[in-house]
Amino acid sequence: MATSTYGDALGTAAVGSGSSALLGGNELFTNILQEAMFTANERSVARELCRLYNISGSQGKTIQVPVYPTVSAGSVAENIDLANTAIDPTSVDISVSEFGVMTTISDLMLESAGTNLAADVGRILGEAMAAKLDTDVFALFSSFSTSVGDNNDAEELDADLIFKAVATLRSNNASGQYFGVFHPKSIYNLKKTLVNNGANIGSLSDVGNEALRSGIVGTVAGVTLIESTLVPTISSDGAVNAIFSADALGIALKRDMRMEEQRDASLRATEYVMTGAKGQGILKNAYGVQIVTDNSL
């Protein structure tokens, strides 16, 4: 069984001597990789909402992220020394591990494909990698120690819960932009409320008009609302959504995506293996609020 290895995310490493001319060698591999990289970067929501730490050039599989406290200034009388204010950061450890996906393309499949096979396979692999990253980050929502509402799977999401979450975050001095990630079935009730069950468009607010026209809520109370089916569910009827600051969560990237191919002559096929190494963690727990709501229509 011959092996062809491509080391970095750009696929520029040399091809091993066993590369298969039958399947197009570098060209097919490069096209799959490019499509997968583009799709993964475009489809991943979480990496745009968190602090990103690139530790590819450092040793070890754990990063210690310093978390600095908030300090206060005070009034000082003339000719009086200022009291020293210690700034002693704590740290959050984020450990990384590998994740990946593999698919096998048979010779017959390649020879019979009527569409752009490289683009299709690349998109599928990229979507899988992006979904894994988002799933692992969103799983942290249930670890936020603060919640608003009744915190049960029977409560409907409405604007009041969002305002409560924002008030909680501002009371905790949460800095940065605020994001809200909700399951589509959870945010349904909010949309329904905003458009007043389909009232006349002219009588709605700007947010309600946009929700009625496009189905996108956009921004409420300064929170950018995002829908994702990867939000964790706690039952058939409940989901753990969250509103958080951009400083609440962190992602450590030890190795961005890379891909290898391996020819299996006896199988008359080629394996494509895409992997990465990353970790995720909560940096400031007080900067996030979980919202457990109904997840049924």
Protein backbone atom coordinates (compact mmCIF):
# COMPACT_ATOMS: atom_id res chain seq x y z
CA MET A 1 0.00 0.00 0.00
CA ALA A 2 1.63 3.25 -1.11
CA THR A 3 1.30 6.41 0.93
CA SER A 4 1.30 10.02 -0.21
CA THR A 5 1.65 12.64 2.51
CA TYR A 6 0.98 16.36 2.30
CA GLY A 7 2.20 18.10 5.39
CA ASP A 8 0.74 21.55 5.81
CA ALA A 9 -2.64 23.16 5.33
CA LEU A 10 -1.69 24.48 1.89
CA GLY A 11 -0.80 21.06 0.57
CA THR A 12 2.65 22.17 -0.58
CA ALA A 13 4.71 19.33 0.86
CA ALA A 14 6.30 16.86 -1.52
CA VAL A 15 4.41 13.81 -2.70
CA GLY A 16 5.80 10.42 -1.76
CA SER A 17 7.09 8.11 -4.43
CA GLY A 18 3.94 6.02 -4.22
CA SER A 19 1.59 8.75 -5.46
CA SER A 20 -1.04 7.36 -7.78
CA ALA A 21 -1.03 8.70 -11.30
CA LEU A 22 -4.36 6.94 -11.85
CA LEU A 23 -6.26 9.37 -9.61
CA GLY A 24 -4.60 12.53 -10.81
CA GLY A 25 -2.02 12.81 -8.02
CA ASN A 26 -1.53 16.34 -6.78
CA GLU A 27 -4.33 17.91 -8.76
CA LEU A 28 -7.20 15.98 -7.18
CA PHE A 29 -5.66 16.21 -3.73
CA THR A 30 -5.09 19.96 -4.01
CA ASN A 31 -8.63 20.63 -5.24
CA ILE A 32 -10.16 18.61 -2.38
CA LEU A 33 -7.95 20.33 0.19
CA GLN A 34 -8.63 23.84 -1.07
CA GLU A 35 -12.38 23.29 -1.03
CA ALA A 36 -12.26 21.69 2.42
CA MET A 37 -10.18 24.53 3.89
CA PHE A 38 -12.47 27.18 2.40
CA THR A 39 -15.63 25.42 3.57
CA ALA A 40 -14.35 24.80 7.10
CA ASN A 41 -13.32 28.43 7.56
CA GLU A 42 -16.57 29.75 6.11
CA ARG A 43 -18.92 27.37 7.92
CA SER A 44 -17.39 27.46 11.40
CA VAL A 45 -19.25 29.90 13.62
CA ALA A 46 -17.37 29.36 16.86
CA ARG A 47 -13.95 30.50 15.71
CA GLU A 48 -15.42 33.91 14.89
CA LEU A 49 -16.96 34.30 18.36
CA CYS A 50 -14.03 33.29 20.57
CA ARG A 51 -10.52 34.40 21.40
CA LEU A 52 -8.21 32.44 19.10
CA TYR A 53 -4.77 31.31 20.30
CA ASN A 54 -2.33 29.89 17.77
CA ILE A 55 0.11 27.61 19.60
CA SER A 56 1.41 25.80 16.54
CA GLY A 57 4.96 26.94 17.18
CA SER A 58 5.12 26.12 20.87
CA GLN A 59 5.89 22.94 22.76
CA GLY A 60 3.34 21.02 24.77
CA LYS A 61 -0.35 20.27 24.36
CA THR A 62 -1.67 22.75 26.94
CA ILE A 63 -1.79 26.52 26.86
CA GLN A 64 -2.14 28.68 29.99
CA VAL A 65 -4.22 31.75 29.16
CA PRO A 66 -3.76 34.62 31.64
CA VAL A 67 -6.99 36.15 32.93
CA TYR A 68 -6.56 39.61 34.40
CA PRO A 69 -8.72 41.05 37.18
CA THR A 70 -10.61 44.32 37.05
CA VAL A 71 -9.07 47.09 39.18
CA SER A 72 -10.55 50.36 40.38
CA ALA A 73 -9.12 53.84 40.62
CA GLY A 74 -9.87 56.09 43.58
CA SER A 75 -9.60 59.67 44.76
CA VAL A 76 -6.23 60.75 46.14
CA ALA A 77 -5.53 63.75 48.36
CA GLU A 78 -2.70 66.07 47.45
CA ASN A 79 0.75 64.91 48.62
CA ILE A 80 -0.59 61.49 49.60
CA ASP A 81 0.99 58.34 48.16
CA LEU A 82 -1.19 56.06 46.11
CA ALA A 83 -1.82 52.64 47.60
CA ASN A 84 -0.47 49.84 45.49
CA THR A 85 -3.05 47.81 43.56
CA ALA A 86 -1.81 44.31 42.80
CA ILE A 87 -2.61 42.91 39.40
CA ASP A 88 -2.34 39.17 39.87
CA PRO A 89 -3.70 37.31 36.87
CA THR A 90 -5.15 33.86 37.19
CA SER A 91 -4.82 31.37 34.35
CA VAL A 92 -7.05 29.02 32.42
CA ASP A 93 -5.58 25.82 31.00
CA ILE A 94 -6.74 24.74 27.56
CA SER A 95 -5.62 21.29 26.46
CA VAL A 96 -5.59 20.33 22.81
CA SER A 97 -6.40 17.05 21.13
CA GLU A 98 -6.78 15.81 17.58
CA PHE A 99 -9.99 15.63 15.61
CA GLY A 100 -10.53 14.44 12.08
CA VAL A 101 -12.51 12.72 9.37
CA MET A 102 -11.65 10.17 6.68
CA THR A 103 -13.31 9.18 3.45
CA THR A 104 -12.43 6.72 0.72
CA ILE A 105 -12.86 7.43 -2.99
CA SER A 106 -12.92 4.34 -5.17
CA ASP A 107 -11.53 4.33 -8.69
CA LEU A 108 -14.97 3.51 -10.04
CA MET A 109 -16.53 6.39 -8.13
CA LEU A 110 -13.97 8.79 -9.57
CA GLU A 111 -14.40 7.45 -13.10
CA SER A 112 -18.22 7.62 -12.83
CA ALA A 113 -18.60 11.02 -11.18
CA GLY A 114 -20.69 13.36 -13.26
CA THR A 115 -20.02 16.41 -11.09
CA ASN A 116 -16.95 18.08 -9.68
CA LEU A 117 -16.00 15.30 -7.30
CA ALA A 118 -13.08 17.15 -5.71
CA ALA A 119 -15.27 20.13 -4.79
CA ASP A 120 -18.04 17.91 -3.44
CA VAL A 121 -15.72 15.79 -1.30
CA GLY A 122 -13.82 18.85 -0.09
CA ARG A 123 -17.02 20.57 0.94
CA ILE A 124 -18.22 17.50 2.86
CA LEU A 125 -14.92 17.13 4.72
CA GLY A 126 -14.75 20.85 5.48
CA GLU A 127 -18.30 20.89 6.83
CA ALA A 128 -17.50 17.94 9.08
CA MET A 129 -14.43 19.65 10.54
CA ALA A 130 -16.28 22.93 11.09
CA ALA A 131 -19.20 21.13 12.75
CA LYS A 132 -16.88 19.34 15.17
CA LEU A 133 -15.23 22.60 16.20
CA ASP A 134 -18.57 24.33 16.74
CA THR A 135 -20.08 21.37 18.60
CA ASP A 136 -17.21 21.25 21.10
CA VAL A 137 -17.32 24.99 21.75
CA PHE A 138 -21.11 25.15 22.13
CA ALA A 139 -20.96 22.24 24.57
CA LEU A 140 -19.35 24.72 26.99
CA PHE A 141 -22.62 26.67 27.29
CA SER A 142 -23.90 24.40 30.03
CA SER A 143 -20.78 25.22 32.08
CA PHE A 144 -21.69 28.89 32.41
CA SER A 145 -22.64 29.18 36.07
CA THR A 146 -25.17 31.97 35.46
CA SER A 147 -28.52 31.45 33.79
CA VAL A 148 -31.61 33.57 33.20
CA GLY A 149 -35.24 32.57 33.14
CA ASP A 150 -36.68 29.39 34.60
CA ASN A 151 -33.78 27.34 33.21
CA ASN A 152 -36.04 24.54 31.99
CA ASP A 153 -37.02 23.06 28.67
CA ALA A 154 -40.59 24.38 28.84
CA GLU A 155 -39.73 28.08 28.69
CA GLU A 156 -40.12 29.97 25.44
CA LEU A 157 -37.39 32.32 24.26
CA ASP A 158 -38.47 35.96 24.16
CA ALA A 159 -36.84 39.38 24.09
CA ASP A 160 -37.17 39.71 27.86
CA LEU A 161 -34.74 36.82 28.41
CA ILE A 162 -32.23 38.46 26.11
CA PHE A 163 -32.51 41.77 27.98
CA LYS A 164 -32.02 39.95 31.28
CA ALA A 165 -28.93 38.21 29.96
CA VAL A 166 -27.46 41.48 28.71
CA ALA A 167 -28.17 43.19 32.04
CA THR A 168 -26.42 40.30 33.81
CA LEU A 169 -23.35 40.54 31.58
CA ARG A 170 -23.12 44.32 31.92
CA SER A 171 -23.42 43.99 35.69
CA ASN A 172 -20.42 41.65 35.53
CA ASN A 173 -18.51 44.22 33.45
CA ALA A 174 -18.31 41.80 30.53
CA SER A 175 -16.31 43.53 27.84
CA GLY A 176 -16.31 43.09 24.09
CA GLN A 177 -19.06 42.37 21.61
CA TYR A 178 -22.00 40.23 22.75
CA PHE A 179 -23.13 37.16 20.82
CA GLY A 180 -26.13 34.90 21.27
CA VAL A 181 -26.16 31.38 19.82
CA PHE A 182 -29.54 29.67 19.72
CA HIS A 183 -31.01 26.50 18.32
CA PRO A 184 -33.31 27.33 15.36
CA LYS A 185 -36.30 25.79 17.14
CA SER A 186 -35.56 27.83 20.27
CA ILE A 187 -35.36 31.13 18.43
CA TYR A 188 -38.60 30.39 16.57
CA ASN A 189 -40.73 31.81 19.36
CA LEU A 190 -38.67 35.01 19.43
CA LYS A 191 -39.22 35.49 15.71
CA LYS A 192 -42.92 34.78 16.12
CA THR A 193 -43.15 37.39 18.87
CA LEU A 194 -41.20 40.00 16.92
CA VAL A 195 -43.47 39.73 13.89
CA ASN A 196 -46.60 39.46 16.02
CA ASN A 197 -47.70 36.26 14.24
CA GLY A 198 -47.53 37.92 10.84
CA ALA A 199 -49.03 41.33 11.58
CA ASN A 200 -48.93 44.06 8.96
CA ILE A 201 -45.31 44.69 8.06
CA GLY A 202 -45.69 48.44 8.35
CA SER A 203 -46.65 48.22 12.03
CA LEU A 204 -43.56 46.27 13.08
CA SER A 205 -40.22 47.44 14.40
CA ASP A 206 -37.17 47.37 12.12
CA VAL A 207 -36.10 44.09 13.73
CA GLY A 208 -39.57 42.62 13.26
CA ASN A 209 -39.70 43.72 9.64
CA GLU A 210 -36.35 42.08 8.90
CA ALA A 211 -37.36 38.88 10.69
CA LEU A 212 -40.56 38.72 8.65
CA ARG A 213 -38.82 39.44 5.34
CA SER A 214 -35.71 37.28 5.65
CA GLY A 215 -36.21 35.07 8.70
CA ILE A 216 -33.06 36.58 10.24
CA VAL A 217 -33.38 38.33 13.59
CA GLY A 218 -30.05 40.14 13.45
CA THR A 219 -29.39 42.20 16.59
CA VAL A 220 -31.49 42.55 19.73
CA ALA A 221 -30.37 44.61 22.73
CA GLY A 222 -26.89 44.87 21.25
CA VAL A 223 -26.57 41.09 20.92
CA THR A 224 -25.75 39.57 17.55
CA LEU A 225 -28.04 36.55 17.33
CA ILE A 226 -26.86 33.43 15.52
CA GLU A 227 -28.76 30.22 14.78
CA SER A 228 -27.07 26.83 14.87
CA THR A 229 -28.38 23.29 14.94
CA LEU A 230 -25.21 22.36 16.85
CA VAL A 231 -26.43 24.03 20.05
CA PRO A 232 -26.58 21.24 22.67
CA THR A 233 -29.94 19.77 23.54
CA ILE A 234 -30.84 18.41 26.97
CA SER A 235 -33.99 16.57 25.92
CA SER A 236 -36.25 16.20 22.94
CA ASP A 237 -37.85 19.51 23.92
CA GLY A 238 -35.02 21.62 25.35
CA ALA A 239 -31.77 23.31 24.24
CA VAL A 240 -28.95 25.04 26.13
CA ASN A 241 -28.47 28.35 24.35
CA ALA A 242 -26.17 31.15 25.51
CA ILE A 243 -25.36 34.83 25.31
CA PHE A 244 -21.75 35.71 25.96
CA SER A 245 -19.02 38.26 25.48
CA ALA A 246 -16.25 37.80 22.94
CA ASP A 247 -13.88 37.45 25.91
CA ALA A 248 -15.79 34.55 27.48
CA LEU A 249 -14.48 31.63 25.40
CA GLY A 250 -11.14 30.66 23.94
CA ILE A 251 -9.96 28.27 21.23
CA ALA A 252 -6.37 27.01 21.08
CA LEU A 253 -5.18 25.83 17.67
CA LYS A 254 -2.18 23.56 17.86
CA ARG A 255 -2.49 22.48 14.26
CA ASP A 256 -4.89 23.82 11.70
CA MET A 257 -6.35 21.43 9.18
CA ARG A 258 -4.10 19.22 7.12
CA MET A 259 -4.82 16.34 4.81
CA GLU A 260 -3.10 13.15 3.72
CA GLU A 261 -3.95 10.62 1.06
CA GLN A 262 -3.14 6.92 1.02
CA ARG A 263 -3.51 4.64 -1.95
CA ASP A 264 -5.00 1.19 -1.32
CA ALA A 265 -4.33 -0.79 -4.50
CA SER A 266 -6.12 -3.93 -3.38
CA LEU A 267 -9.24 -1.86 -2.63
CA ARG A 268 -8.83 0.11 -5.88
CA ALA A 269 -9.38 3.28 -3.92
CA THR A 270 -7.67 6.20 -2.20
CA GLU A 271 -8.20 7.28 1.40
CA TYR A 272 -8.35 10.98 2.26
CA VAL A 273 -7.72 11.82 5.90
CA MET A 274 -8.24 15.35 7.25
CA THR A 275 -7.16 16.19 10.80
CA GLY A 276 -6.51 19.11 13.10
CA ALA A 277 -5.58 19.67 16.73
CA LYS A 278 -7.43 22.14 18.93
CA GLY A 279 -8.84 22.77 22.38
CA GLN A 280 -11.49 25.04 23.84
CA GLY A 281 -12.33 26.44 27.24
CA ILE A 282 -14.12 29.12 29.24
CA LEU A 283 -11.85 32.08 29.96
CA LYS A 284 -14.22 34.17 32.10
CA ASN A 285 -17.28 32.33 33.39
CA ALA A 286 -19.02 35.54 34.44
CA TYR A 287 -18.92 36.75 30.85
CA GLY A 288 -21.43 34.13 29.69
CA VAL A 289 -25.07 33.34 30.48
CA GLN A 290 -26.84 30.13 29.58
CA ILE A 291 -30.48 30.21 28.51
CA VAL A 292 -32.35 26.90 28.59
CA THR A 293 -35.50 27.13 26.52
CA ASP A 294 -38.10 25.09 24.73
CA ASN A 295 -36.85 23.39 21.60
CA SER A 296 -40.11 22.25 20.03
CA LEU A 297 -42.29 24.00 17.48
